[in-house]
Amino acid sequence: MSSMPRPLEEMFLLGGELPVRRLGYGTAQLTGPGYWGPRGERQEGVAVLRAAVEQGVTFVDTADNYGPGLAEELVAEALHPYREDLVIATKGGVVRTGDSAWHIAGRPEQLRAMCEASLRRLRTDRIDLYQLHRLDPQVPMADQLGALDALRQEGKIRFIGLDTLTADQLEQALSLTGIASVQNRFNLLDRSSDAVLKVCETHGLAFLPWFPLANGALTSDAVAALAGIAERHGATRGQIALAWLLHRSPVLCPTPGTGSPVHLAENLGAREIRLSAEDLSGLEALAPA
C-alpha cells in the first residue's frame, strides 16, 4: 500500500461538535452467529477492542441487542474508563428472543428502559450517540423521538441517531428534533440508500454504513474490477471497498467489525489508500443498475 501521507480528511464532527476519525470500529462480530451469545473467549473481544483504540480508532459503535448485552459489556470491560477522545455509540429499540428473532420495540417507556440499561452496561452517565435501531411502525415517530429527546435533555444522551429509514422519513425526523447520524446499508455493491446519503450531506449528518464490506460479497469472483484495483495498490478487496467509502462522501463514516486482530489491522489500513480518478470510475461502475 502507499506510504504517502494520509490523503483524506479523516475527521468528522459528529453533531457538528464532537470529532471522530471517520473509520471506526463496530462490535457486532464480537458476538456469535446471528449476533447471539459469545463468539469465543471474552478476553479475545477485549483484546480486539483495545487494539482498535491503540491503532487510532476514536469511534466505537455497538448495540444493546448484540449478545444481547454482551457487546456493550465488552466495550466497558475493554475501554472503561473511556479516553477523552473516544466516542461510544450504541443502539436501542429492538428486543431479541433468539439468534434469528428480532422484535421492534419503540414505545417511549421501552426506549427509556433500554437506554438506562445501556448506560449501566457501558458504565457511563451519558451515551455520546444513542441510535434508534429501527423505527417502530406501531408508534408515532414523534413519540419515539420525543422519548430520546427527553433522555437527551436529562443529559443521558448527547446525540440522537437513526437506523434504516428512507430519505422522506429522515426529513420528517429532522423536522421533529436534532439528528446527528444515520445508519443504513450502503457499500460498493449496494447504493440503494443514495437518497438518504444526499440528505445527510445536506444537513451535515454522519452516515454510518452498515455492511460496509457487502457482508462478504466482495470476495465474489464477479468483482474482477475490484480485484484489479486492489492488486495495483497492493491492497485487499476489502481495503479498497472501505477506501471507496472514505472517498465517496465526507459524511460517510464506516465502522467495519471483526473479531480478528489481523483483520482489524487490514481494515484500518484502508485509511492509507489514495484512489485515483480512474480507480473511482471503475469502482462506480460496479454498482448494479
C-alpha atoms as a PDB file:
ATOM      1  CA  MET A   1       0.000   0.000   0.000  1.00  0.00           C
ATOM      2  CA  SER A   2       1.014   3.609  -0.475  1.00  0.00           C
ATOM      3  CA  SER A   3       3.292   5.196   2.124  1.00  0.00           C
ATOM      4  CA  MET A   4       2.161   8.688   1.137  1.00  0.00           C
ATOM      5  CA  PRO A   5       0.700  10.949   3.838  1.00  0.00           C
ATOM      6  CA  ARG A   6      -2.932  10.222   4.563  1.00  0.00           C
ATOM      7  CA  PRO A   7      -4.786  11.956   1.752  1.00  0.00           C
ATOM      8  CA  LEU A   8      -8.313  12.156   3.097  1.00  0.00           C
ATOM      9  CA  GLU A   9      -9.942  14.325   5.717  1.00  0.00           C
ATOM     10  CA  GLU A  10     -10.088  11.721   8.459  1.00  0.00           C
ATOM     11  CA  MET A  11     -12.121  13.660  10.999  1.00  0.00           C
ATOM     12  CA  PHE A  12     -15.867  14.183  11.113  1.00  0.00           C
ATOM     13  CA  LEU A  13     -17.613  16.474  13.571  1.00  0.00           C
ATOM     14  CA  LEU A  14     -20.463  14.392  14.955  1.00  0.00           C
ATOM     15  CA  GLY A  15     -23.377  16.665  15.740  1.00  0.00           C
ATOM     16  CA  GLY A  16     -21.221  19.497  14.448  1.00  0.00           C
ATOM     17  CA  GLU A  17     -19.023  19.440  17.550  1.00  0.00           C
ATOM     18  CA  LEU A  18     -17.679  16.005  18.520  1.00  0.00           C
ATOM     19  CA  PRO A  19     -14.622  14.989  16.433  1.00  0.00           C
ATOM     20  CA  VAL A  20     -14.263  11.340  15.399  1.00  0.00           C
ATOM     21  CA  ARG A  21     -11.937   9.646  12.957  1.00  0.00           C
ATOM     22  CA  ARG A  22     -14.045   8.579  10.022  1.00  0.00           C
ATOM     23  CA  LEU A  23     -13.007   4.919  10.019  1.00  0.00           C
ATOM     24  CA  GLY A  24     -14.349   3.453  13.238  1.00  0.00           C
ATOM     25  CA  TYR A  25     -14.987   0.016  14.691  1.00  0.00           C
ATOM     26  CA  GLY A  26     -18.258  -1.925  15.003  1.00  0.00           C
ATOM     27  CA  THR A  27     -18.775  -4.584  17.670  1.00  0.00           C
ATOM     28  CA  ALA A  28     -21.339  -6.957  16.130  1.00  0.00           C
ATOM     29  CA  GLN A  29     -18.658  -9.514  15.215  1.00  0.00           C
ATOM     30  CA  LEU A  30     -17.633  -9.810  18.860  1.00  0.00           C
ATOM     31  CA  THR A  31     -20.757 -11.939  19.359  1.00  0.00           C
ATOM     32  CA  GLY A  32     -21.775 -15.315  17.978  1.00  0.00           C
ATOM     33  CA  PRO A  33     -23.770 -16.282  14.882  1.00  0.00           C
ATOM     34  CA  GLY A  34     -26.855 -14.103  14.484  1.00  0.00           C
ATOM     35  CA  TYR A  35     -25.224 -11.637  16.901  1.00  0.00           C
ATOM     36  CA  TRP A  36     -26.312 -14.044  19.643  1.00  0.00           C
ATOM     37  CA  GLY A  37     -24.212 -15.243  22.545  1.00  0.00           C
ATOM     38  CA  PRO A  38     -20.421 -15.137  22.785  1.00  0.00           C
ATOM     39  CA  ARG A  39     -18.119 -15.500  19.787  1.00  0.00           C
ATOM     40  CA  GLY A  40     -15.208 -17.017  21.658  1.00  0.00           C
ATOM     41  CA  GLU A  41     -13.236 -16.291  24.776  1.00  0.00           C
ATOM     42  CA  ARG A  42     -14.216 -12.990  26.384  1.00  0.00           C
ATOM     43  CA  GLN A  43     -10.621 -11.786  26.517  1.00  0.00           C
ATOM     44  CA  GLU A  44     -10.329 -12.127  22.737  1.00  0.00           C
ATOM     45  CA  GLY A  45     -13.047  -9.494  22.291  1.00  0.00           C
ATOM     46  CA  VAL A  46     -11.475  -7.269  24.917  1.00  0.00           C
ATOM     47  CA  ALA A  47      -8.129  -7.517  23.132  1.00  0.00           C
ATOM     48  CA  VAL A  48      -9.579  -6.562  19.733  1.00  0.00           C
ATOM     49  CA  LEU A  49     -11.355  -3.526  21.200  1.00  0.00           C
ATOM     50  CA  ARG A  50      -8.176  -2.345  22.877  1.00  0.00           C
ATOM     51  CA  ALA A  51      -6.200  -2.921  19.686  1.00  0.00           C
ATOM     52  CA  ALA A  52      -8.687  -0.812  17.711  1.00  0.00           C
ATOM     53  CA  VAL A  53      -8.195   2.151  20.020  1.00  0.00           C
ATOM     54  CA  GLU A  54      -4.426   1.661  20.135  1.00  0.00           C
ATOM     55  CA  GLN A  55      -4.429   1.819  16.312  1.00  0.00           C
ATOM     56  CA  GLY A  56      -6.202   5.156  16.257  1.00  0.00           C
ATOM     57  CA  VAL A  57      -9.923   4.362  16.294  1.00  0.00           C
ATOM     58  CA  THR A  58     -11.872   7.052  18.158  1.00  0.00           C
ATOM     59  CA  PHE A  59     -15.419   5.896  17.302  1.00  0.00           C
ATOM     60  CA  VAL A  60     -16.826   2.578  18.555  1.00  0.00           C
ATOM     61  CA  ASP A  61     -20.339   1.541  17.514  1.00  0.00           C
ATOM     62  CA  THR A  62     -22.272  -1.103  19.420  1.00  0.00           C
ATOM     63  CA  ALA A  63     -25.886  -2.058  20.229  1.00  0.00           C
ATOM     64  CA  ASP A  64     -27.768  -3.387  23.217  1.00  0.00           C
ATOM     65  CA  ASN A  65     -29.056  -6.397  21.262  1.00  0.00           C
ATOM     66  CA  TYR A  66     -25.633  -7.705  20.200  1.00  0.00           C
ATOM     67  CA  GLY A  67     -25.336 -10.630  22.529  1.00  0.00           C
ATOM     68  CA  PRO A  68     -27.765  -9.306  23.759  1.00  0.00           C
ATOM     69  CA  GLY A  69     -25.968  -7.017  26.180  1.00  0.00           C
ATOM     70  CA  LEU A  70     -22.649  -8.777  25.661  1.00  0.00           C
ATOM     71  CA  ALA A  71     -21.069  -6.346  23.182  1.00  0.00           C
ATOM     72  CA  GLU A  72     -21.764  -3.353  25.427  1.00  0.00           C
ATOM     73  CA  GLU A  73     -20.284  -5.211  28.396  1.00  0.00           C
ATOM     74  CA  LEU A  74     -17.141  -5.989  26.387  1.00  0.00           C
ATOM     75  CA  VAL A  75     -16.790  -2.329  25.386  1.00  0.00           C
ATOM     76  CA  ALA A  76     -16.878  -1.299  29.043  1.00  0.00           C
ATOM     77  CA  GLU A  77     -14.533  -4.083  30.157  1.00  0.00           C
ATOM     78  CA  ALA A  78     -12.007  -3.198  27.465  1.00  0.00           C
ATOM     79  CA  LEU A  79     -12.174   0.578  27.343  1.00  0.00           C
ATOM     80  CA  HIS A  80     -13.593   1.996  30.587  1.00  0.00           C
ATOM     81  CA  PRO A  81     -12.606   4.495  31.871  1.00  0.00           C
ATOM     82  CA  TYR A  82     -13.009   5.955  28.399  1.00  0.00           C
ATOM     83  CA  ARG A  83     -10.346   8.180  26.874  1.00  0.00           C
ATOM     84  CA  GLU A  84     -11.440  11.761  26.389  1.00  0.00           C
ATOM     85  CA  ASP A  85     -11.229  11.463  22.587  1.00  0.00           C
ATOM     86  CA  LEU A  86     -13.166   8.171  22.425  1.00  0.00           C
ATOM     87  CA  VAL A  87     -16.798   8.333  21.252  1.00  0.00           C
ATOM     88  CA  ILE A  88     -19.088   5.409  22.117  1.00  0.00           C
ATOM     89  CA  ALA A  89     -22.313   4.886  20.175  1.00  0.00           C
ATOM     90  CA  THR A  90     -24.980   2.311  20.927  1.00  0.00           C
ATOM     91  CA  LYS A  91     -28.496   1.465  19.780  1.00  0.00           C
ATOM     92  CA  GLY A  92     -31.845   0.563  21.288  1.00  0.00           C
ATOM     93  CA  GLY A  93     -35.341  -0.157  20.065  1.00  0.00           C
ATOM     94  CA  VAL A  94     -35.045  -3.854  19.189  1.00  0.00           C
ATOM     95  CA  VAL A  95     -35.594  -6.801  21.559  1.00  0.00           C
ATOM     96  CA  ARG A  96     -34.015 -10.204  20.877  1.00  0.00           C
ATOM     97  CA  THR A  97     -35.536 -13.522  21.926  1.00  0.00           C
ATOM     98  CA  GLY A  98     -33.265 -15.805  19.878  1.00  0.00           C
ATOM     99  CA  ASP A  99     -30.496 -15.863  17.291  1.00  0.00           C
ATOM    100  CA  SER A 100     -32.961 -15.135  14.486  1.00  0.00           C
ATOM    101  CA  ALA A 101     -35.697 -13.315  16.432  1.00  0.00           C
ATOM    102  CA  TRP A 102     -35.767  -9.502  16.330  1.00  0.00           C
ATOM    103  CA  HIS A 103     -38.719  -7.534  17.736  1.00  0.00           C
ATOM    104  CA  ILE A 104     -39.071  -3.795  17.188  1.00  0.00           C
ATOM    105  CA  ALA A 105     -39.939  -2.073  20.465  1.00  0.00           C
ATOM    106  CA  GLY A 106     -40.324   1.697  20.158  1.00  0.00           C
ATOM    107  CA  ARG A 107     -42.752   2.680  22.884  1.00  0.00           C
ATOM    108  CA  PRO A 108     -41.339   5.547  24.959  1.00  0.00           C
ATOM    109  CA  GLU A 109     -41.181   3.516  28.164  1.00  0.00           C
ATOM    110  CA  GLN A 110     -39.330   0.721  26.325  1.00  0.00           C
ATOM    111  CA  LEU A 111     -36.786   3.102  24.836  1.00  0.00           C
ATOM    112  CA  ARG A 112     -36.134   4.704  28.206  1.00  0.00           C
ATOM    113  CA  ALA A 113     -35.614   1.332  29.890  1.00  0.00           C
ATOM    114  CA  MET A 114     -33.258   0.205  27.110  1.00  0.00           C
ATOM    115  CA  CYS A 115     -31.216   3.395  27.257  1.00  0.00           C
ATOM    116  CA  GLU A 116     -30.839   3.186  31.016  1.00  0.00           C
ATOM    117  CA  ALA A 117     -29.771  -0.455  30.771  1.00  0.00           C
ATOM    118  CA  SER A 118     -27.149   0.536  28.177  1.00  0.00           C
ATOM    119  CA  LEU A 119     -25.871   3.261  30.482  1.00  0.00           C
ATOM    120  CA  ARG A 120     -25.336   0.660  33.198  1.00  0.00           C
ATOM    121  CA  ARG A 121     -23.608  -1.864  30.923  1.00  0.00           C
ATOM    122  CA  LEU A 122     -21.371   0.806  29.401  1.00  0.00           C
ATOM    123  CA  ARG A 123     -20.620   2.212  32.895  1.00  0.00           C
ATOM    124  CA  THR A 124     -21.291   5.771  31.847  1.00  0.00           C
ATOM    125  CA  ASP A 125     -23.580   8.641  32.796  1.00  0.00           C
ATOM    126  CA  ARG A 126     -24.088   9.785  29.202  1.00  0.00           C
ATOM    127  CA  ILE A 127     -24.072   7.962  25.861  1.00  0.00           C
ATOM    128  CA  ASP A 128     -22.352  10.003  23.164  1.00  0.00           C
ATOM    129  CA  LEU A 129     -24.612   8.762  20.345  1.00  0.00           C
ATOM    130  CA  TYR A 130     -27.807   6.818  21.026  1.00  0.00           C
ATOM    131  CA  GLN A 131     -29.402   5.413  17.897  1.00  0.00           C
ATOM    132  CA  LEU A 132     -32.938   4.166  17.349  1.00  0.00           C
ATOM    133  CA  HIS A 133     -32.195   0.770  15.838  1.00  0.00           C
ATOM    134  CA  ARG A 134     -35.479   0.650  13.919  1.00  0.00           C
ATOM    135  CA  LEU A 135     -38.473   2.937  13.682  1.00  0.00           C
ATOM    136  CA  ASP A 136     -41.476   1.204  15.227  1.00  0.00           C
ATOM    137  CA  PRO A 137     -44.359   1.328  12.701  1.00  0.00           C
ATOM    138  CA  GLN A 138     -46.838   0.893  15.577  1.00  0.00           C
ATOM    139  CA  VAL A 139     -45.674   4.032  17.425  1.00  0.00           C
ATOM    140  CA  PRO A 140     -45.812   7.611  16.073  1.00  0.00           C
ATOM    141  CA  MET A 141     -42.341   8.849  15.130  1.00  0.00           C
ATOM    142  CA  ALA A 142     -42.893  11.926  17.273  1.00  0.00           C
ATOM    143  CA  ASP A 143     -43.390   9.708  20.345  1.00  0.00           C
ATOM    144  CA  GLN A 144     -40.242   7.674  19.671  1.00  0.00           C
ATOM    145  CA  LEU A 145     -38.064  10.708  19.034  1.00  0.00           C
ATOM    146  CA  GLY A 146     -39.728  12.537  21.900  1.00  0.00           C
ATOM    147  CA  ALA A 147     -38.583   9.801  24.284  1.00  0.00           C
ATOM    148  CA  LEU A 148     -34.998  10.137  23.033  1.00  0.00           C
ATOM    149  CA  ASP A 149     -35.216  13.918  23.185  1.00  0.00           C
ATOM    150  CA  ALA A 150     -36.302  13.710  26.834  1.00  0.00           C
ATOM    151  CA  LEU A 151     -33.298  11.484  27.591  1.00  0.00           C
ATOM    152  CA  ARG A 152     -31.065  14.000  25.857  1.00  0.00           C
ATOM    153  CA  GLN A 153     -32.493  16.875  27.876  1.00  0.00           C
ATOM    154  CA  GLU A 154     -31.822  14.855  31.037  1.00  0.00           C
ATOM    155  CA  GLY A 155     -28.174  14.520  29.992  1.00  0.00           C
ATOM    156  CA  LYS A 156     -28.301  10.746  29.421  1.00  0.00           C
ATOM    157  CA  ILE A 157     -27.791  11.087  25.644  1.00  0.00           C
ATOM    158  CA  ARG A 158     -25.580  13.579  23.871  1.00  0.00           C
ATOM    159  CA  PHE A 159     -26.724  12.989  20.275  1.00  0.00           C
ATOM    160  CA  ILE A 160     -29.548  11.037  18.599  1.00  0.00           C
ATOM    161  CA  GLY A 161     -29.095   8.764  15.592  1.00  0.00           C
ATOM    162  CA  LEU A 162     -31.449   6.703  13.429  1.00  0.00           C
ATOM    163  CA  ASP A 163     -31.012   3.338  11.724  1.00  0.00           C
ATOM    164  CA  THR A 164     -32.594   2.037   8.500  1.00  0.00           C
ATOM    165  CA  LEU A 165     -35.011   4.606   7.161  1.00  0.00           C
ATOM    166  CA  THR A 166     -35.953   6.367   3.943  1.00  0.00           C
ATOM    167  CA  ALA A 167     -34.977   9.864   2.869  1.00  0.00           C
ATOM    168  CA  ASP A 168     -38.539  11.049   3.496  1.00  0.00           C
ATOM    169  CA  GLN A 169     -38.530   9.561   6.997  1.00  0.00           C
ATOM    170  CA  LEU A 170     -35.220  11.262   7.708  1.00  0.00           C
ATOM    171  CA  GLU A 171     -36.587  14.619   6.595  1.00  0.00           C
ATOM    172  CA  GLN A 172     -39.607  14.060   8.837  1.00  0.00           C
ATOM    173  CA  ALA A 173     -37.359  13.191  11.776  1.00  0.00           C
ATOM    174  CA  LEU A 174     -35.278  16.322  11.208  1.00  0.00           C
ATOM    175  CA  SER A 175     -38.454  18.378  11.420  1.00  0.00           C
ATOM    176  CA  LEU A 176     -39.107  16.911  14.878  1.00  0.00           C
ATOM    177  CA  THR A 177     -35.712  17.081  16.589  1.00  0.00           C
ATOM    178  CA  GLY A 178     -31.963  17.278  16.065  1.00  0.00           C
ATOM    179  CA  ILE A 179     -30.432  14.193  14.449  1.00  0.00           C
ATOM    180  CA  ALA A 180     -26.670  13.603  14.324  1.00  0.00           C
ATOM    181  CA  SER A 181     -26.357  10.376  12.355  1.00  0.00           C
ATOM    182  CA  VAL A 182     -27.984   7.746  10.201  1.00  0.00           C
ATOM    183  CA  GLN A 183     -27.149   4.066   9.727  1.00  0.00           C
ATOM    184  CA  ASN A 184     -28.356   2.476   6.505  1.00  0.00           C
ATOM    185  CA  ARG A 185     -26.925  -0.305   4.378  1.00  0.00           C
ATOM    186  CA  PHE A 186     -24.507   1.218   1.872  1.00  0.00           C
ATOM    187  CA  ASN A 187     -21.451  -0.235   0.207  1.00  0.00           C
ATOM    188  CA  LEU A 188     -19.657  -0.630  -3.089  1.00  0.00           C
ATOM    189  CA  LEU A 189     -22.283  -3.084  -4.360  1.00  0.00           C
ATOM    190  CA  ASP A 190     -25.400  -1.543  -2.772  1.00  0.00           C
ATOM    191  CA  ARG A 191     -26.136   2.152  -3.305  1.00  0.00           C
ATOM    192  CA  SER A 192     -29.883   1.896  -2.629  1.00  0.00           C
ATOM    193  CA  SER A 193     -29.615   4.470   0.181  1.00  0.00           C
ATOM    194  CA  ASP A 194     -28.038   7.132  -2.024  1.00  0.00           C
ATOM    195  CA  ALA A 195     -31.008   9.460  -1.469  1.00  0.00           C
ATOM    196  CA  VAL A 196     -30.502   9.151   2.299  1.00  0.00           C
ATOM    197  CA  LEU A 197     -26.815   9.930   1.842  1.00  0.00           C
ATOM    198  CA  LYS A 198     -27.726  13.127  -0.023  1.00  0.00           C
ATOM    199  CA  VAL A 199     -29.943  14.260   2.876  1.00  0.00           C
ATOM    200  CA  CYS A 200     -27.081  13.549   5.280  1.00  0.00           C
ATOM    201  CA  GLU A 201     -24.715  15.628   3.150  1.00  0.00           C
ATOM    202  CA  THR A 202     -27.206  18.497   3.022  1.00  0.00           C
ATOM    203  CA  HIS A 203     -27.662  18.557   6.808  1.00  0.00           C
ATOM    204  CA  GLY A 204     -24.139  17.585   7.897  1.00  0.00           C
ATOM    205  CA  LEU A 205     -25.187  14.246   9.402  1.00  0.00           C
ATOM    206  CA  ALA A 206     -22.821  11.314   9.772  1.00  0.00           C
ATOM    207  CA  PHE A 207     -23.800   8.360   7.583  1.00  0.00           C
ATOM    208  CA  LEU A 208     -22.611   5.131   9.236  1.00  0.00           C
ATOM    209  CA  PRO A 209     -22.959   2.483   6.516  1.00  0.00           C
ATOM    210  CA  TRP A 210     -23.749  -0.989   7.763  1.00  0.00           C
ATOM    211  CA  PHE A 211     -22.383  -3.965   5.851  1.00  0.00           C
ATOM    212  CA  PRO A 212     -19.646  -1.625   4.546  1.00  0.00           C
ATOM    213  CA  LEU A 213     -17.876  -4.704   3.151  1.00  0.00           C
ATOM    214  CA  ALA A 214     -21.079  -6.001   1.490  1.00  0.00           C
ATOM    215  CA  ASN A 215     -21.340  -8.839   4.019  1.00  0.00           C
ATOM    216  CA  GLY A 216     -18.743 -10.965   2.257  1.00  0.00           C
ATOM    217  CA  ALA A 217     -19.914 -10.399  -1.319  1.00  0.00           C
ATOM    218  CA  LEU A 218     -16.717  -8.537  -2.190  1.00  0.00           C
ATOM    219  CA  THR A 219     -14.889 -11.845  -2.340  1.00  0.00           C
ATOM    220  CA  SER A 220     -17.094 -12.949  -5.227  1.00  0.00           C
ATOM    221  CA  ASP A 221     -15.233 -13.737  -8.447  1.00  0.00           C
ATOM    222  CA  ALA A 222     -17.724 -11.445 -10.203  1.00  0.00           C
ATOM    223  CA  VAL A 223     -15.942  -8.391  -8.826  1.00  0.00           C
ATOM    224  CA  ALA A 224     -12.925  -8.716 -11.111  1.00  0.00           C
ATOM    225  CA  ALA A 225     -12.515  -4.939 -11.496  1.00  0.00           C
ATOM    226  CA  LEU A 226     -12.223  -4.585  -7.712  1.00  0.00           C
ATOM    227  CA  ALA A 227      -9.531  -7.273  -7.661  1.00  0.00           C
ATOM    228  CA  GLY A 228      -7.546  -5.422 -10.328  1.00  0.00           C
ATOM    229  CA  ILE A 229      -7.628  -2.136  -8.428  1.00  0.00           C
ATOM    230  CA  ALA A 230      -6.652  -3.907  -5.217  1.00  0.00           C
ATOM    231  CA  GLU A 231      -3.698  -5.520  -6.958  1.00  0.00           C
ATOM    232  CA  ARG A 232      -2.465  -2.168  -8.265  1.00  0.00           C
ATOM    233  CA  HIS A 233      -2.484  -0.756  -4.731  1.00  0.00           C
ATOM    234  CA  GLY A 234      -1.037  -3.849  -3.077  1.00  0.00           C
ATOM    235  CA  ALA A 235      -4.225  -3.948  -1.023  1.00  0.00           C
ATOM    236  CA  THR A 236      -7.105  -6.321  -0.344  1.00  0.00           C
ATOM    237  CA  ARG A 237     -10.559  -6.024  -1.898  1.00  0.00           C
ATOM    238  CA  GLY A 238     -11.954  -5.081   1.495  1.00  0.00           C
ATOM    239  CA  GLN A 239      -9.441  -2.275   1.913  1.00  0.00           C
ATOM    240  CA  ILE A 240     -10.380  -0.850  -1.482  1.00  0.00           C
ATOM    241  CA  ALA A 241     -14.087  -1.067  -0.623  1.00  0.00           C
ATOM    242  CA  LEU A 242     -13.513   0.859   2.618  1.00  0.00           C
ATOM    243  CA  ALA A 243     -11.263   3.393   0.887  1.00  0.00           C
ATOM    244  CA  TRP A 244     -14.014   3.902  -1.697  1.00  0.00           C
ATOM    245  CA  LEU A 245     -16.465   4.797   1.075  1.00  0.00           C
ATOM    246  CA  LEU A 246     -13.998   7.327   2.507  1.00  0.00           C
ATOM    247  CA  HIS A 247     -13.587   8.872  -0.958  1.00  0.00           C
ATOM    248  CA  ARG A 248     -17.288   8.676  -1.868  1.00  0.00           C
ATOM    249  CA  SER A 249     -18.541  11.294   0.597  1.00  0.00           C
ATOM    250  CA  PRO A 250     -17.061  13.269   3.513  1.00  0.00           C
ATOM    251  CA  VAL A 251     -20.022  12.269   5.710  1.00  0.00           C
ATOM    252  CA  LEU A 252     -19.531   8.511   5.278  1.00  0.00           C
ATOM    253  CA  CYS A 253     -18.069   7.057   8.488  1.00  0.00           C
ATOM    254  CA  PRO A 254     -17.795   3.274   8.122  1.00  0.00           C
ATOM    255  CA  THR A 255     -17.460   1.128  11.252  1.00  0.00           C
ATOM    256  CA  PRO A 256     -16.414  -2.314   9.965  1.00  0.00           C
ATOM    257  CA  GLY A 257     -16.444  -5.025  12.585  1.00  0.00           C
ATOM    258  CA  THR A 258     -14.242  -8.040  13.175  1.00  0.00           C
ATOM    259  CA  GLY A 259     -13.185 -10.357  15.943  1.00  0.00           C
ATOM    260  CA  SER A 260      -9.719 -10.812  14.424  1.00  0.00           C
ATOM    261  CA  PRO A 261      -6.724  -8.573  15.250  1.00  0.00           C
ATOM    262  CA  VAL A 262      -5.264  -9.310  11.797  1.00  0.00           C
ATOM    263  CA  HIS A 263      -8.487  -8.338  10.015  1.00  0.00           C
ATOM    264  CA  LEU A 264      -8.771  -5.240  12.217  1.00  0.00           C
ATOM    265  CA  ALA A 265      -5.329  -4.031  11.107  1.00  0.00           C
ATOM    266  CA  GLU A 266      -6.234  -4.804   7.492  1.00  0.00           C
ATOM    267  CA  ASN A 267      -9.431  -2.759   7.709  1.00  0.00           C
ATOM    268  CA  LEU A 268      -7.683   0.205   9.294  1.00  0.00           C
ATOM    269  CA  GLY A 269      -5.080   0.103   6.538  1.00  0.00           C
ATOM    270  CA  ALA A 270      -7.762   1.487   4.223  1.00  0.00           C
ATOM    271  CA  ARG A 271      -7.036   4.917   5.719  1.00  0.00           C
ATOM    272  CA  GLU A 272      -3.749   4.987   3.806  1.00  0.00           C
ATOM    273  CA  ILE A 273      -5.100   4.322   0.321  1.00  0.00           C
ATOM    274  CA  ARG A 274      -5.381   7.073  -2.282  1.00  0.00           C
ATOM    275  CA  LEU A 275      -7.736   6.089  -5.082  1.00  0.00           C
ATOM    276  CA  SER A 276      -7.163   7.719  -8.465  1.00  0.00           C
ATOM    277  CA  ALA A 277      -9.894   9.158 -10.669  1.00  0.00           C
ATOM    278  CA  GLU A 278      -9.526   6.061 -12.840  1.00  0.00           C
ATOM    279  CA  ASP A 279      -9.931   3.817  -9.795  1.00  0.00           C
ATOM    280  CA  LEU A 280     -13.034   5.675  -8.672  1.00  0.00           C
ATOM    281  CA  SER A 281     -14.572   5.496 -12.150  1.00  0.00           C
ATOM    282  CA  GLY A 282     -14.049   1.743 -12.247  1.00  0.00           C
ATOM    283  CA  LEU A 283     -15.496   1.297  -8.776  1.00  0.00           C
ATOM    284  CA  GLU A 284     -18.529   3.452  -9.534  1.00  0.00           C
ATOM    285  CA  ALA A 285     -19.306   1.133 -12.436  1.00  0.00           C
ATOM    286  CA  LEU A 286     -19.617  -1.852 -10.075  1.00  0.00           C
ATOM    287  CA  ALA A 287     -22.958  -0.651  -8.720  1.00  0.00           C
ATOM    288  CA  PRO A 288     -25.890  -2.707 -10.037  1.00  0.00           C
ATOM    289  CA  ALA A 289     -28.185  -0.847 -12.421  1.00  0.00           C
END
